[in-house]
C-alpha atoms as a PDB file:
ATOM      1  CA  UNK A   1       0.000   0.000   0.000  1.00  0.00           C
ATOM      2  CA  UNK A   2       1.450   3.360  -0.960  1.00  0.00           C
ATOM      3  CA  UNK A   3       0.569   6.933  -0.284  1.00  0.00           C
ATOM      4  CA  UNK A   4       0.844   9.759  -2.796  1.00  0.00           C
ATOM      5  CA  UNK A   5       1.737  13.262  -1.713  1.00  0.00           C
ATOM      6  CA  UNK A   6       4.482  15.669  -0.705  1.00  0.00           C
ATOM      7  CA  UNK A   7       7.303  14.239   1.407  1.00  0.00           C
ATOM      8  CA  UNK A   8       9.985  16.045   3.419  1.00  0.00           C
ATOM      9  CA  UNK A   9      13.344  15.723   1.623  1.00  0.00           C
ATOM     10  CA  UNK A  10      15.134  14.440   4.744  1.00  0.00           C
ATOM     11  CA  UNK A  11      12.510  11.745   5.297  1.00  0.00           C
ATOM     12  CA  UNK A  12      12.615  10.811   1.619  1.00  0.00           C
ATOM     13  CA  UNK A  13      16.421  10.421   1.712  1.00  0.00           C
ATOM     14  CA  UNK A  14      16.156   8.216   4.822  1.00  0.00           C
ATOM     15  CA  UNK A  15      13.609   5.955   3.150  1.00  0.00           C
ATOM     16  CA  UNK A  16      15.690   5.860  -0.051  1.00  0.00           C
ATOM     17  CA  UNK A  17      18.740   4.660   1.890  1.00  0.00           C
ATOM     18  CA  UNK A  18      16.674   2.003   3.653  1.00  0.00           C
ATOM     19  CA  UNK A  19      15.239   0.516   0.453  1.00  0.00           C
ATOM     20  CA  UNK A  20      18.456   0.703  -1.567  1.00  0.00           C
ATOM     21  CA  UNK A  21      17.952   3.620  -3.944  1.00  0.00           C
ATOM     22  CA  UNK A  22      20.202   6.079  -2.119  1.00  0.00           C
ATOM     23  CA  UNK A  23      22.465   6.677  -5.156  1.00  0.00           C
ATOM     24  CA  UNK A  24      19.533   7.895  -7.233  1.00  0.00           C
ATOM     25  CA  UNK A  25      18.266  10.012  -4.356  1.00  0.00           C
ATOM     26  CA  UNK A  26      21.726  11.579  -3.865  1.00  0.00           C
ATOM     27  CA  UNK A  27      21.798  12.502  -7.557  1.00  0.00           C
ATOM     28  CA  UNK A  28      18.466  14.282  -7.229  1.00  0.00           C
ATOM     29  CA  UNK A  29      19.601  16.044  -4.061  1.00  0.00           C
ATOM     30  CA  UNK A  30      22.778  17.321  -5.757  1.00  0.00           C
ATOM     31  CA  UNK A  31      20.770  18.450  -8.781  1.00  0.00           C
ATOM     32  CA  UNK A  32      18.210  20.336  -6.743  1.00  0.00           C
ATOM     33  CA  UNK A  33      17.259  22.434  -9.765  1.00  0.00           C
ATOM     34  CA  UNK A  34      15.297  19.362 -10.854  1.00  0.00           C
ATOM     35  CA  UNK A  35      13.302  19.349  -7.633  1.00  0.00           C
ATOM     36  CA  UNK A  36      12.187  21.878  -5.055  1.00  0.00           C
ATOM     37  CA  UNK A  37      14.798  22.593  -2.382  1.00  0.00           C
ATOM     38  CA  UNK A  38      12.827  21.313   0.597  1.00  0.00           C
ATOM     39  CA  UNK A  39      10.020  19.139  -0.774  1.00  0.00           C
ATOM     40  CA  UNK A  40       9.575  16.387  -3.334  1.00  0.00           C
ATOM     41  CA  UNK A  41       6.322  15.049  -4.647  1.00  0.00           C
ATOM     42  CA  UNK A  42       6.702  11.298  -4.506  1.00  0.00           C
ATOM     43  CA  UNK A  43       4.879   8.062  -4.056  1.00  0.00           C
ATOM     44  CA  UNK A  44       6.256   6.209  -1.059  1.00  0.00           C
ATOM     45  CA  UNK A  45       5.630   2.492  -0.837  1.00  0.00           C
ATOM     46  CA  UNK A  46       5.147   1.355   2.732  1.00  0.00           C
ATOM     47  CA  UNK A  47       6.778  -1.943   3.652  1.00  0.00           C
END
């Protein structure tokens, strides 16, 4: 079950590291012009 909405960037990075997609998340964080500085719209899959 997943939830769609706006997630805090810090929380999103923590979840990304936990599920093994931290490299992709780091790329997005470094290229913040692709995303808003403090928020990302994402679908987070709950485990």
